[in-house]
């Protein structure tokens, strides 16, 4: 079983990291080509491309100018500790011990517009490049087109290395990032957990902030409990969520949480 999550726009390259264990991104060559393209853009171009403020555009222009390989612990940081969005607040990787990090390295993947796909301990340098942006490189019209076949092939390799007969990809990524994978080329069953919260009217809906945090919590729960089969996923109960058999299907596992008084 392999789990995929999205990256985050918010980064943390300052706080202390408890481990020096690290690895190199698999697709640094492709990332380098993307960086070279991004360096041809000025801050105004970046602002328009990414729909960000002039200050953020200037920051990311400087990031691309400073981006250099090789990556070391002096100029880069392990991906799972570098991202600081809602998913990662739920993941709480800073609380993982050695055993959890080792399991995560084999079973968790982070999709990325710049790096393609990352293992948790892969080193990265600061960047911002959402997967949905129209970046034309190497004949591809977008990042989706640039990464699509590469990501499916890489995930298939990781899945093939796992001992379970049934290959399963747990999709805890956002739609923007999961669309970058050619699912038709995946040699695995795709299972997508969905998290719904009860509203004041009594119905259940996906609330973006809550759902992002829950995706991180499920990823952490999978890692801590060494989950490797679909039936076990249904036992997830962090933060009050409970699996709903009635609302679920073979490919879609729905978890509901009652409104807190």
Foldseek 3Di string as FASTA:
>chain_A
DAEEAEFAQAWDPDDDAPDQDADAQPPVVQLLQLLVLVQVDALVRQCVQVVDDSVVSNVQNVQSVPDDDDDHNVAWFFRLRTGDDLLSVLQVCSPDDPQLLVLQQLHYWYADLRRGIHGRRHIDHDHDDFQQTQDQTPNDRGSLRVRAVVNQVVVQVSQVPDDDPAGEYEYLYDPSRVSSYPVVSHPHQYAYEAEWEADPVGDTDGDPSVSSSVSSNLSNVCSVVVDDDDVVSQVDQPPAWHWDPVPADPRYIYTYHYDDD
